[in-house]
Amino acid sequence: MSDESKVKGPASYFPSIEKKYGQPISYWMTVLDGMQGKKHMEMVAALKTEYQMGHGHANALVAYYRAQAES
């Protein structure tokens, strides 16, 4: 895979998130929809607490979600 075709940033975590937690990324985006109004780290903490998600995975999902909301 060339450097140009490699997925970078938060989305690079998506395959391992889907494999580890058994849900597609669309599921996690819906979960995060329900947390609107919370700050970044509050959303991360909720994923870690409610879904036993690791910090890196939770942070990647929230970063991606918030970037999409801004664009």
C-alpha atoms as a PDB file:
ATOM      1  CA  MET A   1       0.000   0.000   0.000  1.00  0.00           C
ATOM      2  CA  SER A   2       1.485   3.348  -0.982  1.00  0.00           C
ATOM      3  CA  ASP A   3       1.697   6.280   1.408  1.00  0.00           C
ATOM      4  CA  GLU A   4      -0.946   8.104  -0.625  1.00  0.00           C
ATOM      5  CA  SER A   5      -3.546   5.348  -0.213  1.00  0.00           C
ATOM      6  CA  LYS A   6      -2.974   4.734   3.498  1.00  0.00           C
ATOM      7  CA  VAL A   7      -5.705   5.978   5.795  1.00  0.00           C
ATOM      8  CA  LYS A   8      -4.309   8.518   8.229  1.00  0.00           C
ATOM      9  CA  GLY A   9      -5.536  10.222  11.367  1.00  0.00           C
ATOM     10  CA  PRO A  10      -8.406   8.968  13.525  1.00  0.00           C
ATOM     11  CA  ALA A  11      -9.900   6.853  10.715  1.00  0.00           C
ATOM     12  CA  SER A  12      -6.785   4.670  10.759  1.00  0.00           C
ATOM     13  CA  TYR A  13      -8.157   3.149  13.980  1.00  0.00           C
ATOM     14  CA  PHE A  14     -11.500   2.164  12.439  1.00  0.00           C
ATOM     15  CA  PRO A  15     -10.680  -1.428  11.364  1.00  0.00           C
ATOM     16  CA  SER A  16      -9.386  -2.325  14.824  1.00  0.00           C
ATOM     17  CA  ILE A  17     -12.318  -0.564  16.543  1.00  0.00           C
ATOM     18  CA  GLU A  18     -14.825  -2.527  14.455  1.00  0.00           C
ATOM     19  CA  LYS A  19     -12.992  -5.796  15.102  1.00  0.00           C
ATOM     20  CA  LYS A  20     -12.514  -5.289  18.840  1.00  0.00           C
ATOM     21  CA  TYR A  21     -15.957  -3.917  19.739  1.00  0.00           C
ATOM     22  CA  GLY A  22     -18.060  -5.764  17.144  1.00  0.00           C
ATOM     23  CA  GLN A  23     -19.923  -2.731  15.827  1.00  0.00           C
ATOM     24  CA  PRO A  24     -19.535  -0.737  12.604  1.00  0.00           C
ATOM     25  CA  ILE A  25     -18.294   2.846  12.778  1.00  0.00           C
ATOM     26  CA  SER A  26     -21.798   4.044  11.874  1.00  0.00           C
ATOM     27  CA  TYR A  27     -22.982   2.578  15.197  1.00  0.00           C
ATOM     28  CA  TRP A  28     -20.407   4.606  17.127  1.00  0.00           C
ATOM     29  CA  MET A  29     -21.311   7.772  15.220  1.00  0.00           C
ATOM     30  CA  THR A  30     -24.934   7.244  16.310  1.00  0.00           C
ATOM     31  CA  VAL A  31     -23.826   6.755  19.918  1.00  0.00           C
ATOM     32  CA  LEU A  32     -21.885  10.016  19.703  1.00  0.00           C
ATOM     33  CA  ASP A  33     -24.933  11.776  18.208  1.00  0.00           C
ATOM     34  CA  GLY A  34     -26.583  11.140  21.549  1.00  0.00           C
ATOM     35  CA  MET A  35     -23.783  12.999  23.342  1.00  0.00           C
ATOM     36  CA  GLN A  36     -24.148  16.327  21.557  1.00  0.00           C
ATOM     37  CA  GLY A  37     -23.407  19.227  23.852  1.00  0.00           C
ATOM     38  CA  LYS A  38     -20.652  17.372  25.691  1.00  0.00           C
ATOM     39  CA  LYS A  39     -17.021  18.404  25.446  1.00  0.00           C
ATOM     40  CA  HIS A  40     -14.473  16.236  23.642  1.00  0.00           C
ATOM     41  CA  MET A  41     -13.059  14.603  26.762  1.00  0.00           C
ATOM     42  CA  GLU A  42     -16.528  14.097  28.247  1.00  0.00           C
ATOM     43  CA  MET A  43     -17.439  12.101  25.146  1.00  0.00           C
ATOM     44  CA  VAL A  44     -14.208  10.100  25.406  1.00  0.00           C
ATOM     45  CA  ALA A  45     -14.871   9.393  29.087  1.00  0.00           C
ATOM     46  CA  ALA A  46     -18.421   8.235  28.311  1.00  0.00           C
ATOM     47  CA  LEU A  47     -17.202   5.749  25.674  1.00  0.00           C
ATOM     48  CA  LYS A  48     -14.571   4.449  28.083  1.00  0.00           C
ATOM     49  CA  THR A  49     -17.044   4.101  30.964  1.00  0.00           C
ATOM     50  CA  GLU A  50     -20.172   2.904  29.167  1.00  0.00           C
ATOM     51  CA  TYR A  51     -18.511   0.693  26.536  1.00  0.00           C
ATOM     52  CA  GLN A  52     -15.181  -0.211  28.190  1.00  0.00           C
ATOM     53  CA  MET A  53     -13.407   1.286  25.192  1.00  0.00           C
ATOM     54  CA  GLY A  54      -9.705   2.029  25.343  1.00  0.00           C
ATOM     55  CA  HIS A  55      -8.616   5.658  25.446  1.00  0.00           C
ATOM     56  CA  GLY A  56      -7.007   5.668  21.985  1.00  0.00           C
ATOM     57  CA  HIS A  57     -10.041   4.150  20.298  1.00  0.00           C
ATOM     58  CA  ALA A  58     -12.470   6.439  22.111  1.00  0.00           C
ATOM     59  CA  ASN A  59     -10.388   9.514  21.345  1.00  0.00           C
ATOM     60  CA  ALA A  60     -10.103   8.576  17.653  1.00  0.00           C
ATOM     61  CA  LEU A  61     -13.875   8.155  17.326  1.00  0.00           C
ATOM     62  CA  VAL A  62     -14.610  11.454  19.050  1.00  0.00           C
ATOM     63  CA  ALA A  63     -11.976  13.331  17.047  1.00  0.00           C
ATOM     64  CA  TYR A  64     -13.371  11.974  13.788  1.00  0.00           C
ATOM     65  CA  TYR A  65     -16.977  12.650  14.831  1.00  0.00           C
ATOM     66  CA  ARG A  66     -16.248  16.227  15.835  1.00  0.00           C
ATOM     67  CA  ALA A  67     -14.240  16.891  12.654  1.00  0.00           C
ATOM     68  CA  GLN A  68     -17.189  15.684  10.558  1.00  0.00           C
ATOM     69  CA  ALA A  69     -19.596  17.890  12.488  1.00  0.00           C
ATOM     70  CA  GLU A  70     -17.409  20.929  11.811  1.00  0.00           C
ATOM     71  CA  SER A  71     -17.178  20.348   8.070  1.00  0.00           C
END
